Amino acid sequence: MIKGVNHRVIEVPESDCEYFERVLFFVKPEFSALSEGTLRDRANAVANNTGAPPPTKIAQAKFQTILALLSAAGLGAAIVGALQLLF
């Protein structure tokens, strides 16, 4: 554990996440009185539960992006059509 001037910091040097090589947790002042073992166990649990988003979440984000682009294109076409009728 690293002790800072104003904060306690827990460093998890190896997590199960393929994106990060180390994770730093800044301990809230109200929890700084907890033992180092308790804080380290909780930090390891959180760090090891991170990872890539599930494939369904990625597919949902792609669908929402495509839907937003199609909606914008449709709205643009409607505006152009309305302007052509006016002029």
Protein backbone atom coordinates (compact mmCIF):
# COMPACT_ATOMS: atom_id res chain seq x y z
CA MET A 1 0.00 0.00 0.00
CA ILE A 2 1.17 3.51 -0.81
CA LYS A 3 0.46 6.27 1.70
CA GLY A 4 0.02 9.71 0.16
CA VAL A 5 0.02 13.05 1.90
CA ASN A 6 -3.77 13.39 1.89
CA HIS A 7 -5.01 10.01 0.66
CA ARG A 8 -4.35 6.34 1.15
CA VAL A 9 -3.83 4.56 -2.13
CA ILE A 10 -4.15 0.83 -2.80
CA GLU A 11 -2.23 -0.44 -5.81
CA VAL A 12 -3.23 -3.70 -7.50
CA PRO A 13 -0.21 -4.51 -9.68
CA GLU A 14 -1.74 -7.48 -11.52
CA SER A 15 -5.42 -7.67 -12.35
CA ASP A 16 -7.26 -10.23 -14.45
CA CYS A 17 -8.28 -7.49 -16.88
CA GLU A 18 -6.47 -7.61 -20.21
CA TYR A 19 -6.70 -3.81 -20.62
CA PHE A 20 -4.79 -2.71 -17.51
CA GLU A 21 -1.44 -3.70 -16.08
CA ARG A 22 -2.07 -2.06 -12.68
CA VAL A 23 -4.96 -0.36 -10.93
CA LEU A 24 -4.80 2.42 -8.30
CA PHE A 25 -7.61 2.93 -5.77
CA PHE A 26 -7.86 6.09 -3.70
CA VAL A 27 -9.42 5.27 -0.32
CA LYS A 28 -12.16 7.58 0.94
CA PRO A 29 -11.18 9.33 4.18
CA GLU A 30 -14.04 7.72 6.14
CA PHE A 31 -12.69 4.25 5.28
CA SER A 32 -9.00 4.96 5.85
CA ALA A 33 -9.19 3.45 9.35
CA LEU A 34 -9.94 -0.03 7.93
CA SER A 35 -7.12 -2.52 7.94
CA GLU A 36 -4.83 -2.75 4.94
CA GLY A 37 -5.83 -6.38 4.38
CA THR A 38 -9.53 -5.52 4.17
CA LEU A 39 -8.89 -2.66 1.76
CA ARG A 40 -6.54 -4.76 -0.37
CA ASP A 41 -9.03 -7.66 -0.55
CA ARG A 42 -11.82 -5.32 -1.66
CA ALA A 43 -9.53 -3.61 -4.21
CA ASN A 44 -8.47 -6.97 -5.66
CA ALA A 45 -12.11 -8.07 -5.93
CA VAL A 46 -13.09 -4.90 -7.79
CA ALA A 47 -10.02 -4.93 -10.04
CA ASN A 48 -10.55 -8.55 -11.03
CA ASN A 49 -14.21 -7.97 -11.93
CA THR A 50 -13.32 -5.45 -14.63
CA GLY A 51 -12.88 -6.44 -18.22
CA ALA A 52 -14.26 -6.15 -21.69
CA PRO A 53 -17.96 -5.40 -21.95
CA PRO A 54 -20.13 -8.39 -22.86
CA PRO A 55 -20.78 -8.92 -26.59
CA THR A 56 -24.48 -8.10 -26.16
CA LYS A 57 -23.62 -4.66 -24.83
CA ILE A 58 -21.31 -4.02 -27.81
CA ALA A 59 -24.01 -5.16 -30.26
CA GLN A 60 -26.58 -2.95 -28.53
CA ALA A 61 -24.28 0.07 -28.78
CA LYS A 62 -23.74 -0.58 -32.52
CA PHE A 63 -27.50 -0.90 -33.06
CA GLN A 64 -28.16 2.38 -31.22
CA THR A 65 -25.50 4.15 -33.30
CA ILE A 66 -26.96 2.85 -36.57
CA LEU A 67 -30.48 3.80 -35.46
CA ALA A 68 -29.35 7.32 -34.55
CA LEU A 69 -27.62 7.79 -37.93
CA LEU A 70 -30.67 6.54 -39.85
CA SER A 71 -32.94 8.82 -37.82
CA ALA A 72 -30.71 11.82 -38.57
CA ALA A 73 -30.69 10.96 -42.27
CA GLY A 74 -34.49 10.62 -42.30
CA LEU A 75 -34.93 13.92 -40.50
CA GLY A 76 -32.58 15.62 -42.96
CA ALA A 77 -34.51 14.20 -45.92
CA ALA A 78 -37.80 15.39 -44.40
CA ILE A 79 -36.46 18.91 -43.92
CA VAL A 80 -35.14 19.05 -47.49
CA GLY A 81 -38.49 17.79 -48.81
CA ALA A 82 -40.38 20.40 -46.81
CA LEU A 83 -38.09 23.18 -48.05
CA GLN A 84 -38.56 22.09 -51.67
CA LEU A 85 -42.34 22.33 -51.28
CA LEU A 86 -42.07 25.85 -49.85
CA PHE A 87 -39.72 27.18 -52.52
